[in-house]
Amino acid sequence: MGEFTDKAKGAAKEAIGEAKQGSDHADVRADGKAQKAEGKLDKAKGSVKGALGDRI
C-alpha cells in the first residue's frame, strides 16, 4: 500500500476507535482504545513511506 492509503486507513481506524471509546461497555471502550492506537501506527507507517518515497 502507498503512503496515502496507509494514512487514510489509519485515520479511519482512529475515528472508529474514538467512537467506540464513548461506549458504556468496558470491553467496547478497550477495543476502541486498541483500534485508535492501531490507526496511529498505520498513519505513522504512511508517513515513513512518504519520507522514503514508497521504496519499501
N, C-alpha and C. Protein backbone atom coordinates (compact mmCIF):
# COMPACT_ATOMS: atom_id res chain seq x y z
N MET A 1 0.84 -1.18 0.00
CA MET A 1 0.00 0.00 0.00
C MET A 1 0.88 1.24 0.00
N GLY A 2 0.33 2.29 -0.53
CA GLY A 2 1.08 3.52 -0.61
C GLY A 2 0.88 4.41 0.60
N GLU A 3 1.55 5.49 0.57
CA GLU A 3 1.51 6.46 1.66
C GLU A 3 0.09 6.92 1.94
N PHE A 4 -0.62 7.37 0.90
CA PHE A 4 -1.97 7.91 1.09
C PHE A 4 -2.92 6.84 1.64
N THR A 5 -2.81 5.63 1.11
CA THR A 5 -3.69 4.54 1.55
C THR A 5 -3.49 4.25 3.03
N ASP A 6 -2.24 4.17 3.47
CA ASP A 6 -1.94 3.89 4.87
C ASP A 6 -2.46 5.01 5.77
N LYS A 7 -2.26 6.25 5.35
CA LYS A 7 -2.73 7.37 6.16
C LYS A 7 -4.25 7.40 6.24
N ALA A 8 -4.92 7.13 5.14
CA ALA A 8 -6.39 7.13 5.13
C ALA A 8 -6.94 5.99 5.99
N LYS A 9 -6.33 4.83 5.85
CA LYS A 9 -6.74 3.68 6.65
C LYS A 9 -6.54 3.96 8.15
N GLY A 10 -5.43 4.58 8.46
CA GLY A 10 -5.14 4.93 9.86
C GLY A 10 -6.12 5.94 10.41
N ALA A 11 -6.47 6.94 9.60
CA ALA A 11 -7.43 7.95 10.06
C ALA A 11 -8.80 7.33 10.31
N ALA A 12 -9.20 6.40 9.45
CA ALA A 12 -10.49 5.73 9.63
C ALA A 12 -10.49 4.89 10.91
N LYS A 13 -9.41 4.15 11.13
CA LYS A 13 -9.32 3.34 12.35
C LYS A 13 -9.35 4.21 13.60
N GLU A 14 -8.64 5.35 13.55
CA GLU A 14 -8.65 6.26 14.69
C GLU A 14 -10.05 6.78 14.98
N ALA A 15 -10.77 7.15 13.92
CA ALA A 15 -12.12 7.69 14.10
C ALA A 15 -13.06 6.64 14.68
N ILE A 16 -12.98 5.43 14.19
CA ILE A 16 -13.83 4.35 14.70
C ILE A 16 -13.46 4.04 16.15
N GLY A 17 -12.16 4.01 16.43
CA GLY A 17 -11.71 3.76 17.81
C GLY A 17 -12.17 4.85 18.76
N GLU A 18 -12.14 6.09 18.31
CA GLU A 18 -12.60 7.21 19.13
C GLU A 18 -14.09 7.07 19.43
N ALA A 19 -14.86 6.68 18.43
CA ALA A 19 -16.31 6.50 18.62
C ALA A 19 -16.59 5.37 19.61
N LYS A 20 -15.84 4.29 19.51
CA LYS A 20 -16.03 3.17 20.42
C LYS A 20 -15.69 3.54 21.86
N GLN A 21 -14.77 4.47 22.04
CA GLN A 21 -14.37 4.86 23.40
C GLN A 21 -15.49 5.59 24.12
N GLY A 22 -16.51 6.04 23.42
CA GLY A 22 -17.64 6.70 24.05
C GLY A 22 -18.72 5.73 24.52
N SER A 23 -18.47 4.45 24.38
CA SER A 23 -19.46 3.42 24.73
C SER A 23 -19.60 3.28 26.24
N ASP A 24 -20.72 2.73 26.64
CA ASP A 24 -20.96 2.44 28.05
C ASP A 24 -20.35 1.11 28.48
N HIS A 25 -19.94 0.31 27.51
CA HIS A 25 -19.41 -1.02 27.80
C HIS A 25 -17.88 -0.99 27.84
N ALA A 26 -17.32 -1.53 28.90
CA ALA A 26 -15.88 -1.50 29.11
C ALA A 26 -15.12 -2.24 28.01
N ASP A 27 -15.66 -3.37 27.56
CA ASP A 27 -14.96 -4.14 26.53
C ASP A 27 -14.93 -3.41 25.20
N VAL A 28 -15.98 -2.68 24.89
CA VAL A 28 -16.02 -1.89 23.65
C VAL A 28 -15.06 -0.71 23.75
N ARG A 29 -14.99 -0.08 24.93
CA ARG A 29 -14.04 1.03 25.12
C ARG A 29 -12.61 0.54 24.97
N ALA A 30 -12.30 -0.62 25.52
CA ALA A 30 -10.95 -1.17 25.40
C ALA A 30 -10.62 -1.49 23.95
N ASP A 31 -11.58 -2.04 23.22
CA ASP A 31 -11.38 -2.32 21.80
C ASP A 31 -11.15 -1.01 21.04
N GLY A 32 -11.89 0.02 21.40
CA GLY A 32 -11.73 1.32 20.76
C GLY A 32 -10.36 1.92 20.99
N LYS A 33 -9.86 1.76 22.21
CA LYS A 33 -8.53 2.29 22.53
C LYS A 33 -7.46 1.57 21.70
N ALA A 34 -7.61 0.26 21.58
CA ALA A 34 -6.65 -0.52 20.79
C ALA A 34 -6.75 -0.15 19.31
N GLN A 35 -7.96 0.03 18.82
CA GLN A 35 -8.15 0.37 17.41
C GLN A 35 -7.59 1.76 17.11
N LYS A 36 -7.75 2.68 18.03
CA LYS A 36 -7.20 4.03 17.84
C LYS A 36 -5.68 3.97 17.77
N ALA A 37 -5.06 3.17 18.63
CA ALA A 37 -3.60 3.02 18.62
C ALA A 37 -3.14 2.39 17.31
N GLU A 38 -3.89 1.41 16.83
CA GLU A 38 -3.55 0.77 15.55
C GLU A 38 -3.63 1.78 14.41
N GLY A 39 -4.61 2.66 14.48
CA GLY A 39 -4.74 3.71 13.47
C GLY A 39 -3.56 4.65 13.47
N LYS A 40 -3.08 5.00 14.66
CA LYS A 40 -1.91 5.87 14.75
C LYS A 40 -0.69 5.21 14.13
N LEU A 41 -0.56 3.90 14.33
CA LEU A 41 0.57 3.17 13.73
C LEU A 41 0.47 3.16 12.21
N ASP A 42 -0.75 2.97 11.69
CA ASP A 42 -0.92 2.98 10.24
C ASP A 42 -0.56 4.34 9.66
N LYS A 43 -0.97 5.41 10.35
CA LYS A 43 -0.64 6.75 9.87
C LYS A 43 0.87 6.98 9.90
N ALA A 44 1.53 6.49 10.94
CA ALA A 44 2.98 6.63 11.03
C ALA A 44 3.67 5.84 9.92
N LYS A 45 3.14 4.65 9.63
CA LYS A 45 3.70 3.84 8.54
C LYS A 45 3.57 4.59 7.22
N GLY A 46 2.44 5.26 7.01
CA GLY A 46 2.26 6.05 5.80
C GLY A 46 3.25 7.20 5.72
N SER A 47 3.51 7.83 6.85
CA SER A 47 4.48 8.94 6.88
C SER A 47 5.88 8.46 6.53
N VAL A 48 6.24 7.29 7.05
CA VAL A 48 7.56 6.72 6.75
C VAL A 48 7.65 6.41 5.27
N LYS A 49 6.60 5.81 4.71
CA LYS A 49 6.60 5.50 3.28
C LYS A 49 6.75 6.78 2.46
N GLY A 50 6.09 7.84 2.91
CA GLY A 50 6.20 9.12 2.19
C GLY A 50 7.61 9.68 2.25
N ALA A 51 8.24 9.55 3.40
CA ALA A 51 9.60 10.06 3.56
C ALA A 51 10.60 9.25 2.72
N LEU A 52 10.32 7.97 2.56
CA LEU A 52 11.23 7.10 1.79
C LEU A 52 10.84 7.02 0.33
N GLY A 53 9.77 7.68 -0.05
CA GLY A 53 9.37 7.67 -1.45
C GLY A 53 8.81 6.34 -1.91
N ASP A 54 8.10 5.63 -1.05
CA ASP A 54 7.50 4.33 -1.38
C ASP A 54 8.52 3.29 -1.83
N ARG A 55 9.75 3.41 -1.38
CA ARG A 55 10.78 2.44 -1.76
C ARG A 55 10.76 1.19 -0.88
N ILE A 56 9.86 1.17 0.10
CA ILE A 56 9.83 0.00 0.96
C ILE A 56 8.70 -0.91 0.59
